[in-house]
Amino acid sequence: MRKIAIIGATGILGKPVTQQLIQAGFEVTIIARDVEKARNIFPNAHIIYGDLEDKISLFEALKGQETIYLSLHVSKVAKPSDFIPETDGLLHLIEAARCNQIKRIAYLSSLVKDYQGQNGFSWWVFEVKQKAVQILKGSGIPHTIFYPSSFMENFDKGGFMSGNWMNLAGKTEQKMHWISGLDYGNQVAKSFQILSDENREYNIQGLEAYTSEEAVKLFISNYKIKKLKARIVPIILLQLIGKVIHKVNYISKILEALNKFPEKFVSQHTWDELGKPIETIKDYTLRIQKETDK
């Protein structure tokens, strides 16, 4: 299976996976709502229009494809009553996939979603992620589901860096196994190379386990493009602001889960089948600075 359609290629985590799949020699087709944006990021890729809300566009976009990779997320401003790509969109996609005889769907989920129900924690976004897994498993189409821990891309492309500040929320009670999108992308590519019609689930974790405070300190010590400082925002403040600002409520919820989720190392099977990650936080920090200099 060499032909892969990707939905979510332009996102923080979709981009490195798409790059690694292209580098591995797969025939990649990017399905995007904003074709121009996708073309600016991947000028040499095959890009066609498709929208998870538009079933007809999916039927057309999947013609001639063999497999699908999904990198979806719930918008920070979404409400439960909205169209949700990871559930409503996934149902549309599965219908289109069946009609086009797609042989495999690979989906980026979350390891931290399993914090749902612990310590009284309840969040509709984690319910969505759990439901998406069940939808995919019930589709009858061979599937690969990836459950990642924490990505290093969050340091410079996600929520940590703002100007010269690295923002932390509250105190992290648990260590997280940090992985780079490049290492994860290589594991995704390997999965498409070795799997045929079996179902697989993979936990995705990196070499090093640090609290957010420890990880950010390490990133700052190796980052030379500008002088960075860490600051801690009380999570209770975010929770109070989140009562009136939807986006802040999302941020406070995900940070609460990340801070408290009792993560253990559970990825040996993944390393055995898909390869062991190679990048440390220091390696990642040095690499992104070299890429910036080019």
C-alpha atoms as a PDB file:
ATOM      1  CA  MET A   1       0.000   0.000   0.000  1.00  0.00           C
ATOM      2  CA  ARG A   2       1.861   3.037  -1.274  1.00  0.00           C
ATOM      3  CA  LYS A   3      -0.906   5.599  -1.824  1.00  0.00           C
ATOM      4  CA  ILE A   4      -1.759   7.605   1.289  1.00  0.00           C
ATOM      5  CA  ALA A   5      -4.329  10.400   1.603  1.00  0.00           C
ATOM      6  CA  ILE A   6      -3.638  12.757   4.519  1.00  0.00           C
ATOM      7  CA  ILE A   7      -6.198  14.936   6.273  1.00  0.00           C
ATOM      8  CA  GLY A   8      -4.714  17.454   8.698  1.00  0.00           C
ATOM      9  CA  ALA A   9      -1.340  17.782   6.958  1.00  0.00           C
ATOM     10  CA  THR A  10      -0.934  21.502   7.667  1.00  0.00           C
ATOM     11  CA  GLY A  11      -1.265  21.238  11.459  1.00  0.00           C
ATOM     12  CA  ILE A  12       1.596  21.311  13.966  1.00  0.00           C
ATOM     13  CA  LEU A  13       1.663  17.512  14.145  1.00  0.00           C
ATOM     14  CA  GLY A  14       0.369  16.784  10.652  1.00  0.00           C
ATOM     15  CA  LYS A  15       3.250  18.587   8.970  1.00  0.00           C
ATOM     16  CA  PRO A  16       6.183  16.456  10.255  1.00  0.00           C
ATOM     17  CA  VAL A  17       4.256  13.233   9.619  1.00  0.00           C
ATOM     18  CA  THR A  18       3.462  14.300   6.057  1.00  0.00           C
ATOM     19  CA  GLN A  19       7.110  15.219   5.478  1.00  0.00           C
ATOM     20  CA  GLN A  20       8.315  11.837   6.711  1.00  0.00           C
ATOM     21  CA  LEU A  21       5.767   9.926   4.620  1.00  0.00           C
ATOM     22  CA  ILE A  22       6.883  11.818   1.509  1.00  0.00           C
ATOM     23  CA  GLN A  23      10.536  11.212   2.383  1.00  0.00           C
ATOM     24  CA  ALA A  24       9.812   7.497   2.874  1.00  0.00           C
ATOM     25  CA  GLY A  25       8.644   7.300  -0.746  1.00  0.00           C
ATOM     26  CA  PHE A  26       4.866   7.018  -0.343  1.00  0.00           C
ATOM     27  CA  GLU A  27       2.550   8.542  -2.942  1.00  0.00           C
ATOM     28  CA  VAL A  28       1.042  11.207  -0.702  1.00  0.00           C
ATOM     29  CA  THR A  29      -2.117  13.142  -1.492  1.00  0.00           C
ATOM     30  CA  ILE A  30      -2.985  15.987   0.846  1.00  0.00           C
ATOM     31  CA  ILE A  31      -6.720  16.581   1.262  1.00  0.00           C
ATOM     32  CA  ALA A  32      -7.265  20.124   2.496  1.00  0.00           C
ATOM     33  CA  ARG A  33     -10.032  22.684   2.899  1.00  0.00           C
ATOM     34  CA  ASP A  34      -7.538  25.482   2.255  1.00  0.00           C
ATOM     35  CA  VAL A  35      -5.637  24.233  -0.797  1.00  0.00           C
ATOM     36  CA  GLU A  36      -3.573  27.420  -1.098  1.00  0.00           C
ATOM     37  CA  LYS A  37      -2.346  27.166   2.498  1.00  0.00           C
ATOM     38  CA  ALA A  38      -1.382  23.527   1.973  1.00  0.00           C
ATOM     39  CA  ARG A  39       0.449  24.399  -1.255  1.00  0.00           C
ATOM     40  CA  ASN A  40       2.479  27.069   0.529  1.00  0.00           C
ATOM     41  CA  ILE A  41       3.643  24.494   3.083  1.00  0.00           C
ATOM     42  CA  PHE A  42       4.073  21.598   0.619  1.00  0.00           C
ATOM     43  CA  PRO A  43       4.809  23.229  -2.776  1.00  0.00           C
ATOM     44  CA  ASN A  44       5.730  19.945  -4.468  1.00  0.00           C
ATOM     45  CA  ALA A  45       2.971  17.749  -3.039  1.00  0.00           C
ATOM     46  CA  HIS A  46      -0.221  16.537  -4.693  1.00  0.00           C
ATOM     47  CA  ILE A  47      -3.012  18.532  -3.059  1.00  0.00           C
ATOM     48  CA  ILE A  48      -6.751  18.360  -3.647  1.00  0.00           C
ATOM     49  CA  TYR A  49      -9.771  19.920  -2.005  1.00  0.00           C
ATOM     50  CA  GLY A  50     -11.741  18.016   0.601  1.00  0.00           C
ATOM     51  CA  ASP A  51     -13.798  18.917   3.665  1.00  0.00           C
ATOM     52  CA  LEU A  52     -14.981  16.546   6.383  1.00  0.00           C
ATOM     53  CA  GLU A  53     -18.304  18.422   6.467  1.00  0.00           C
ATOM     54  CA  ASP A  54     -18.765  17.857   2.730  1.00  0.00           C
ATOM     55  CA  LYS A  55     -19.282  14.137   2.065  1.00  0.00           C
ATOM     56  CA  ILE A  56     -19.297  14.578  -1.723  1.00  0.00           C
ATOM     57  CA  SER A  57     -15.852  16.197  -1.615  1.00  0.00           C
ATOM     58  CA  LEU A  58     -14.533  13.207   0.370  1.00  0.00           C
ATOM     59  CA  PHE A  59     -15.944  10.689  -2.099  1.00  0.00           C
ATOM     60  CA  GLU A  60     -14.094  12.509  -4.898  1.00  0.00           C
ATOM     61  CA  ALA A  61     -10.876  13.118  -2.962  1.00  0.00           C
ATOM     62  CA  LEU A  62     -10.454   9.455  -1.993  1.00  0.00           C
ATOM     63  CA  LYS A  63     -10.740   8.077  -5.519  1.00  0.00           C
ATOM     64  CA  GLY A  64      -7.666   6.013  -6.322  1.00  0.00           C
ATOM     65  CA  GLN A  65      -6.321   6.121  -2.757  1.00  0.00           C
ATOM     66  CA  GLU A  66      -5.374   3.050  -0.710  1.00  0.00           C
ATOM     67  CA  THR A  67      -4.950   4.324   2.839  1.00  0.00           C
ATOM     68  CA  ILE A  68      -5.738   7.399   4.959  1.00  0.00           C
ATOM     69  CA  TYR A  69      -3.859   9.163   7.742  1.00  0.00           C
ATOM     70  CA  LEU A  70      -5.861  11.481  10.022  1.00  0.00           C
ATOM     71  CA  SER A  71      -4.453  14.247  12.209  1.00  0.00           C
ATOM     72  CA  LEU A  72      -7.576  15.883  13.636  1.00  0.00           C
ATOM     73  CA  HIS A  73      -8.389  17.937  16.702  1.00  0.00           C
ATOM     74  CA  VAL A  74     -11.245  19.641  18.473  1.00  0.00           C
ATOM     75  CA  SER A  75     -11.086  23.400  18.019  1.00  0.00           C
ATOM     76  CA  LYS A  76     -10.336  25.428  21.156  1.00  0.00           C
ATOM     77  CA  VAL A  77     -13.524  27.419  20.534  1.00  0.00           C
ATOM     78  CA  ALA A  78     -15.775  24.461  19.668  1.00  0.00           C
ATOM     79  CA  LYS A  79     -18.935  23.577  21.568  1.00  0.00           C
ATOM     80  CA  PRO A  80     -20.364  20.049  21.935  1.00  0.00           C
ATOM     81  CA  SER A  81     -23.250  20.989  19.633  1.00  0.00           C
ATOM     82  CA  ASP A  82     -20.879  21.977  16.784  1.00  0.00           C
ATOM     83  CA  PHE A  83     -19.791  19.769  13.901  1.00  0.00           C
ATOM     84  CA  ILE A  84     -16.853  17.846  15.374  1.00  0.00           C
ATOM     85  CA  PRO A  85     -14.266  16.541  12.875  1.00  0.00           C
ATOM     86  CA  GLU A  86     -13.144  13.646  15.105  1.00  0.00           C
ATOM     87  CA  THR A  87     -16.630  12.156  15.338  1.00  0.00           C
ATOM     88  CA  ASP A  88     -19.064  13.711  12.830  1.00  0.00           C
ATOM     89  CA  GLY A  89     -16.294  14.148  10.268  1.00  0.00           C
ATOM     90  CA  LEU A  90     -14.939  10.664  10.908  1.00  0.00           C
ATOM     91  CA  LEU A  91     -18.345   9.146  10.169  1.00  0.00           C
ATOM     92  CA  HIS A  92     -18.459  11.007   6.834  1.00  0.00           C
ATOM     93  CA  LEU A  93     -14.938   9.864   6.039  1.00  0.00           C
ATOM     94  CA  ILE A  94     -15.651   6.208   6.817  1.00  0.00           C
ATOM     95  CA  GLU A  95     -18.661   6.273   4.486  1.00  0.00           C
ATOM     96  CA  ALA A  96     -16.511   7.695   1.692  1.00  0.00           C
ATOM     97  CA  ALA A  97     -13.694   5.256   2.509  1.00  0.00           C
ATOM     98  CA  ARG A  98     -15.974   2.239   2.183  1.00  0.00           C
ATOM     99  CA  CYS A  99     -17.189   3.393  -1.220  1.00  0.00           C
ATOM    100  CA  ASN A 100     -13.600   3.831  -2.380  1.00  0.00           C
ATOM    101  CA  GLN A 101     -12.448   0.506  -0.901  1.00  0.00           C
ATOM    102  CA  ILE A 102      -9.850   2.122   1.355  1.00  0.00           C
ATOM    103  CA  LYS A 103      -7.645  -0.573   2.885  1.00  0.00           C
ATOM    104  CA  ARG A 104      -6.548   1.191   6.114  1.00  0.00           C
ATOM    105  CA  ILE A 105      -7.281   4.272   8.229  1.00  0.00           C
ATOM    106  CA  ALA A 106      -4.585   5.538  10.605  1.00  0.00           C
ATOM    107  CA  TYR A 107      -5.657   7.998  13.291  1.00  0.00           C
ATOM    108  CA  LEU A 108      -3.807  10.209  15.771  1.00  0.00           C
ATOM    109  CA  SER A 109      -5.544   9.935  19.146  1.00  0.00           C
ATOM    110  CA  SER A 110      -4.183  10.750  22.633  1.00  0.00           C
ATOM    111  CA  LEU A 111      -2.690   8.908  25.580  1.00  0.00           C
ATOM    112  CA  VAL A 112      -3.738  11.638  28.020  1.00  0.00           C
ATOM    113  CA  LYS A 113      -7.417  11.198  27.110  1.00  0.00           C
ATOM    114  CA  ASP A 114      -7.342   8.272  29.567  1.00  0.00           C
ATOM    115  CA  TYR A 115      -7.251  10.792  32.400  1.00  0.00           C
ATOM    116  CA  GLN A 116     -11.005  11.081  31.855  1.00  0.00           C
ATOM    117  CA  GLY A 117     -12.760   9.951  35.039  1.00  0.00           C
ATOM    118  CA  GLN A 118      -9.652  10.131  37.229  1.00  0.00           C
ATOM    119  CA  ASN A 119      -9.745  12.460  40.251  1.00  0.00           C
ATOM    120  CA  GLY A 120     -13.238  13.533  39.221  1.00  0.00           C
ATOM    121  CA  PHE A 121     -11.984  14.924  35.885  1.00  0.00           C
ATOM    122  CA  SER A 122     -14.632  15.090  33.161  1.00  0.00           C
ATOM    123  CA  TRP A 123     -14.318  16.885  29.829  1.00  0.00           C
ATOM    124  CA  TRP A 124     -16.440  16.508  26.730  1.00  0.00           C
ATOM    125  CA  VAL A 125     -13.370  16.771  24.448  1.00  0.00           C
ATOM    126  CA  PHE A 126     -11.923  13.570  25.931  1.00  0.00           C
ATOM    127  CA  GLU A 127     -15.327  11.929  25.453  1.00  0.00           C
ATOM    128  CA  VAL A 128     -15.039  12.889  21.769  1.00  0.00           C
ATOM    129  CA  LYS A 129     -11.603  11.280  21.525  1.00  0.00           C
ATOM    130  CA  GLN A 130     -12.840   8.100  23.182  1.00  0.00           C
ATOM    131  CA  LYS A 131     -15.859   7.999  20.886  1.00  0.00           C
ATOM    132  CA  ALA A 132     -13.657   8.486  17.810  1.00  0.00           C
ATOM    133  CA  VAL A 133     -11.657   5.393  18.736  1.00  0.00           C
ATOM    134  CA  GLN A 134     -14.852   3.357  19.047  1.00  0.00           C
ATOM    135  CA  ILE A 135     -16.183   4.660  15.722  1.00  0.00           C
ATOM    136  CA  LEU A 136     -12.984   3.682  13.957  1.00  0.00           C
ATOM    137  CA  LYS A 137     -12.846   0.257  15.592  1.00  0.00           C
ATOM    138  CA  GLY A 138     -16.446  -0.377  14.581  1.00  0.00           C
ATOM    139  CA  SER A 139     -15.950   0.697  10.972  1.00  0.00           C
ATOM    140  CA  GLY A 140     -14.844  -2.699   9.694  1.00  0.00           C
ATOM    141  CA  ILE A 141     -11.881  -1.042   7.946  1.00  0.00           C
ATOM    142  CA  PRO A 142      -8.408  -2.110   9.141  1.00  0.00           C
ATOM    143  CA  HIS A 143      -7.112   0.617  11.430  1.00  0.00           C
ATOM    144  CA  THR A 144      -4.002   1.924  13.134  1.00  0.00           C
ATOM    145  CA  ILE A 145      -4.484   4.120  16.202  1.00  0.00           C
ATOM    146  CA  PHE A 146      -1.633   6.130  17.706  1.00  0.00           C
ATOM    147  CA  TYR A 147      -1.796   7.275  21.338  1.00  0.00           C
ATOM    148  CA  PRO A 148       0.887   9.953  21.866  1.00  0.00           C
ATOM    149  CA  SER A 149       2.151  11.513  25.052  1.00  0.00           C
ATOM    150  CA  SER A 150       3.647  15.033  24.760  1.00  0.00           C
ATOM    151  CA  PHE A 151       5.163  16.512  21.607  1.00  0.00           C
ATOM    152  CA  MET A 152       8.245  18.726  21.596  1.00  0.00           C
ATOM    153  CA  GLU A 153       6.627  20.908  18.921  1.00  0.00           C
ATOM    154  CA  ASN A 154       4.608  22.473  21.729  1.00  0.00           C
ATOM    155  CA  PHE A 155       7.744  24.278  22.912  1.00  0.00           C
ATOM    156  CA  ASP A 156       8.114  26.538  19.870  1.00  0.00           C
ATOM    157  CA  LYS A 157       5.012  25.979  17.730  1.00  0.00           C
ATOM    158  CA  GLY A 158       2.324  25.244  20.304  1.00  0.00           C
ATOM    159  CA  GLY A 159       1.257  26.907  23.514  1.00  0.00           C
ATOM    160  CA  PHE A 160       4.496  27.373  25.458  1.00  0.00           C
ATOM    161  CA  MET A 161       6.349  30.149  23.635  1.00  0.00           C
ATOM    162  CA  SER A 162       4.915  33.662  23.535  1.00  0.00           C
ATOM    163  CA  GLY A 163       7.409  36.348  22.646  1.00  0.00           C
ATOM    164  CA  ASN A 164      10.325  35.918  25.034  1.00  0.00           C
ATOM    165  CA  TRP A 165       8.279  33.932  27.538  1.00  0.00           C
ATOM    166  CA  MET A 166       7.773  30.205  27.958  1.00  0.00           C
ATOM    167  CA  ASN A 167       4.399  29.915  29.655  1.00  0.00           C
ATOM    168  CA  LEU A 168       3.625  27.183  32.167  1.00  0.00           C
ATOM    169  CA  ALA A 169       0.322  26.621  33.922  1.00  0.00           C
ATOM    170  CA  GLY A 170       0.345  25.414  37.505  1.00  0.00           C
ATOM    171  CA  LYS A 171       2.700  22.739  38.752  1.00  0.00           C
ATOM    172  CA  THR A 172       3.189  19.481  36.871  1.00  0.00           C
ATOM    173  CA  GLU A 173       2.695  16.531  39.200  1.00  0.00           C
ATOM    174  CA  GLN A 174       3.814  13.861  36.721  1.00  0.00           C
ATOM    175  CA  LYS A 175       6.604  13.307  34.206  1.00  0.00           C
ATOM    176  CA  MET A 176       5.743  13.057  30.513  1.00  0.00           C
ATOM    177  CA  HIS A 177       7.680  11.177  27.821  1.00  0.00           C
ATOM    178  CA  TRP A 178       8.460  13.882  25.236  1.00  0.00           C
ATOM    179  CA  ILE A 179       8.695  12.929  21.549  1.00  0.00           C
ATOM    180  CA  SER A 180       9.393  14.975  18.436  1.00  0.00           C
ATOM    181  CA  GLY A 181       7.077  15.033  15.443  1.00  0.00           C
ATOM    182  CA  LEU A 182       9.991  13.800  13.314  1.00  0.00           C
ATOM    183  CA  ASP A 183      10.422  10.634  15.394  1.00  0.00           C
ATOM    184  CA  TYR A 184       6.675  10.088  15.432  1.00  0.00           C
ATOM    185  CA  GLY A 185       6.506  10.632  11.666  1.00  0.00           C
ATOM    186  CA  ASN A 186       9.124   7.937  11.142  1.00  0.00           C
ATOM    187  CA  GLN A 187       7.089   5.539  13.268  1.00  0.00           C
ATOM    188  CA  VAL A 188       3.944   6.306  11.259  1.00  0.00           C
ATOM    189  CA  ALA A 189       5.830   5.667   8.017  1.00  0.00           C
ATOM    190  CA  LYS A 190       7.136   2.351   9.363  1.00  0.00           C
ATOM    191  CA  SER A 191       3.602   1.286  10.318  1.00  0.00           C
ATOM    192  CA  PHE A 192       2.423   1.781   6.742  1.00  0.00           C
ATOM    193  CA  GLN A 193       5.377  -0.252   5.507  1.00  0.00           C
ATOM    194  CA  ILE A 194       4.830  -3.313   7.719  1.00  0.00           C
ATOM    195  CA  LEU A 195       1.057  -3.595   8.202  1.00  0.00           C
ATOM    196  CA  SER A 196      -1.371  -5.245   5.788  1.00  0.00           C
ATOM    197  CA  ASP A 197      -4.911  -6.028   6.965  1.00  0.00           C
ATOM    198  CA  GLU A 198      -4.404  -6.328  10.744  1.00  0.00           C
ATOM    199  CA  ASN A 199      -5.545  -3.784  13.343  1.00  0.00           C
ATOM    200  CA  ARG A 200      -2.892  -2.126  15.493  1.00  0.00           C
ATOM    201  CA  GLU A 201      -2.760   0.318  18.409  1.00  0.00           C
ATOM    202  CA  TYR A 202       0.506   2.019  19.356  1.00  0.00           C
ATOM    203  CA  ASN A 203       1.443   4.117  22.369  1.00  0.00           C
ATOM    204  CA  ILE A 204       3.776   6.920  21.309  1.00  0.00           C
ATOM    205  CA  GLN A 205       6.399   8.159  23.779  1.00  0.00           C
ATOM    206  CA  GLY A 206       9.884   9.597  23.534  1.00  0.00           C
ATOM    207  CA  LEU A 207      13.232   8.829  25.135  1.00  0.00           C
ATOM    208  CA  GLU A 208      13.054  11.270  28.031  1.00  0.00           C
ATOM    209  CA  ALA A 209      10.545  11.745  30.843  1.00  0.00           C
ATOM    210  CA  TYR A 210      10.355  15.235  32.339  1.00  0.00           C
ATOM    211  CA  THR A 211       7.803  17.430  34.001  1.00  0.00           C
ATOM    212  CA  SER A 212       6.797  20.456  31.948  1.00  0.00           C
ATOM    213  CA  GLU A 213       8.975  22.662  34.148  1.00  0.00           C
ATOM    214  CA  GLU A 214      12.027  20.426  33.633  1.00  0.00           C
ATOM    215  CA  ALA A 215      11.422  20.130  29.884  1.00  0.00           C
ATOM    216  CA  VAL A 216      10.990  23.871  29.391  1.00  0.00           C
ATOM    217  CA  LYS A 217      14.137  24.589  31.409  1.00  0.00           C
ATOM    218  CA  LEU A 218      16.089  22.208  29.158  1.00  0.00           C
ATOM    219  CA  PHE A 219      14.635  23.796  26.026  1.00  0.00           C
ATOM    220  CA  ILE A 220      15.547  27.308  27.233  1.00  0.00           C
ATOM    221  CA  SER A 221      19.123  26.284  28.074  1.00  0.00           C
ATOM    222  CA  ASN A 222      19.695  25.122  24.473  1.00  0.00           C
ATOM    223  CA  TYR A 223      17.702  27.798  22.619  1.00  0.00           C
ATOM    224  CA  LYS A 224      19.905  30.654  21.373  1.00  0.00           C
ATOM    225  CA  ILE A 225      17.725  32.499  18.832  1.00  0.00           C
ATOM    226  CA  LYS A 226      16.397  34.757  21.575  1.00  0.00           C
ATOM    227  CA  LYS A 227      16.594  34.947  25.343  1.00  0.00           C
ATOM    228  CA  LEU A 228      13.704  33.063  26.896  1.00  0.00           C
ATOM    229  CA  LYS A 229      12.355  33.071  30.411  1.00  0.00           C
ATOM    230  CA  ALA A 230       9.847  30.728  32.035  1.00  0.00           C
ATOM    231  CA  ARG A 231       6.822  31.988  33.922  1.00  0.00           C
ATOM    232  CA  ILE A 232       4.076  30.110  35.726  1.00  0.00           C
ATOM    233  CA  VAL A 233       0.436  31.143  35.453  1.00  0.00           C
ATOM    234  CA  PRO A 234      -1.745  29.714  38.262  1.00  0.00           C
ATOM    235  CA  ILE A 235      -4.076  27.199  36.680  1.00  0.00           C
ATOM    236  CA  ILE A 236      -6.903  28.394  38.927  1.00  0.00           C
ATOM    237  CA  LEU A 237      -6.610  31.775  37.188  1.00  0.00           C
ATOM    238  CA  LEU A 238      -7.009  30.098  33.795  1.00  0.00           C
ATOM    239  CA  GLN A 239     -10.012  28.187  35.094  1.00  0.00           C
ATOM    240  CA  LEU A 240     -11.666  31.404  36.285  1.00  0.00           C
ATOM    241  CA  ILE A 241     -11.025  33.184  32.983  1.00  0.00           C
ATOM    242  CA  GLY A 242     -12.211  30.057  31.175  1.00  0.00           C
ATOM    243  CA  LYS A 243     -15.689  30.511  32.622  1.00  0.00           C
ATOM    244  CA  VAL A 244     -16.165  33.433  30.238  1.00  0.00           C
ATOM    245  CA  ILE A 245     -13.634  32.752  27.467  1.00  0.00           C
ATOM    246  CA  HIS A 246     -14.125  29.437  25.675  1.00  0.00           C
ATOM    247  CA  LYS A 247     -10.568  29.177  24.339  1.00  0.00           C
ATOM    248  CA  VAL A 248      -9.041  29.660  27.791  1.00  0.00           C
ATOM    249  CA  ASN A 249     -11.359  27.005  29.226  1.00  0.00           C
ATOM    250  CA  TYR A 250     -10.026  24.523  26.644  1.00  0.00           C
ATOM    251  CA  ILE A 251      -6.437  25.395  27.534  1.00  0.00           C
ATOM    252  CA  SER A 252      -7.051  25.061  31.280  1.00  0.00           C
ATOM    253  CA  LYS A 253      -8.675  21.641  30.812  1.00  0.00           C
ATOM    254  CA  ILE A 254      -5.936  20.129  28.686  1.00  0.00           C
ATOM    255  CA  LEU A 255      -3.239  21.520  31.000  1.00  0.00           C
ATOM    256  CA  GLU A 256      -4.994  20.153  34.078  1.00  0.00           C
ATOM    257  CA  ALA A 257      -5.048  16.695  32.486  1.00  0.00           C
ATOM    258  CA  LEU A 258      -1.420  16.901  31.357  1.00  0.00           C
ATOM    259  CA  ASN A 259      -0.279  18.081  34.793  1.00  0.00           C
ATOM    260  CA  LYS A 260      -2.001  15.260  36.644  1.00  0.00           C
ATOM    261  CA  PHE A 261      -2.093  12.279  34.268  1.00  0.00           C
ATOM    262  CA  PRO A 262      -0.039   9.476  35.896  1.00  0.00           C
ATOM    263  CA  GLU A 263       1.897   8.563  32.783  1.00  0.00           C
ATOM    264  CA  LYS A 264       3.995   5.422  32.770  1.00  0.00           C
ATOM    265  CA  PHE A 265       6.252   4.117  30.017  1.00  0.00           C
ATOM    266  CA  VAL A 266       4.063   1.883  27.839  1.00  0.00           C
ATOM    267  CA  SER A 267       5.726   2.097  24.413  1.00  0.00           C
ATOM    268  CA  GLN A 268       8.217  -0.779  24.301  1.00  0.00           C
ATOM    269  CA  HIS A 269       5.990  -2.691  21.859  1.00  0.00           C
ATOM    270  CA  THR A 270       5.854   0.390  19.625  1.00  0.00           C
ATOM    271  CA  TRP A 271       9.631   0.755  19.703  1.00  0.00           C
ATOM    272  CA  ASP A 272      10.060  -2.934  18.869  1.00  0.00           C
ATOM    273  CA  GLU A 273       7.748  -2.748  15.838  1.00  0.00           C
ATOM    274  CA  LEU A 274       8.161   0.830  14.596  1.00  0.00           C
ATOM    275  CA  GLY A 275      11.610   1.853  15.817  1.00  0.00           C
ATOM    276  CA  LYS A 276      12.972   3.639  18.854  1.00  0.00           C
ATOM    277  CA  PRO A 277      12.889   7.459  18.880  1.00  0.00           C
ATOM    278  CA  ILE A 278      16.285   9.134  18.564  1.00  0.00           C
ATOM    279  CA  GLU A 279      15.740  12.817  19.420  1.00  0.00           C
ATOM    280  CA  THR A 280      16.183  14.217  22.902  1.00  0.00           C
ATOM    281  CA  ILE A 281      14.819  17.656  23.831  1.00  0.00           C
ATOM    282  CA  LYS A 282      18.339  19.051  23.342  1.00  0.00           C
ATOM    283  CA  ASP A 283      18.560  17.417  19.893  1.00  0.00           C
ATOM    284  CA  TYR A 284      15.174  18.849  18.923  1.00  0.00           C
ATOM    285  CA  THR A 285      16.082  22.353  20.125  1.00  0.00           C
ATOM    286  CA  LEU A 286      19.354  22.376  18.189  1.00  0.00           C
ATOM    287  CA  ARG A 287      17.691  21.008  15.031  1.00  0.00           C
ATOM    288  CA  ILE A 288      14.904  23.579  14.845  1.00  0.00           C
ATOM    289  CA  GLN A 289      17.453  26.379  15.230  1.00  0.00           C
ATOM    290  CA  LYS A 290      19.497  25.002  12.308  1.00  0.00           C
ATOM    291  CA  GLU A 291      16.310  24.814  10.234  1.00  0.00           C
ATOM    292  CA  THR A 292      15.550  28.448  11.104  1.00  0.00           C
ATOM    293  CA  ASP A 293      19.033  29.515   9.939  1.00  0.00           C
ATOM    294  CA  LYS A 294      18.555  27.963   6.479  1.00  0.00           C
END
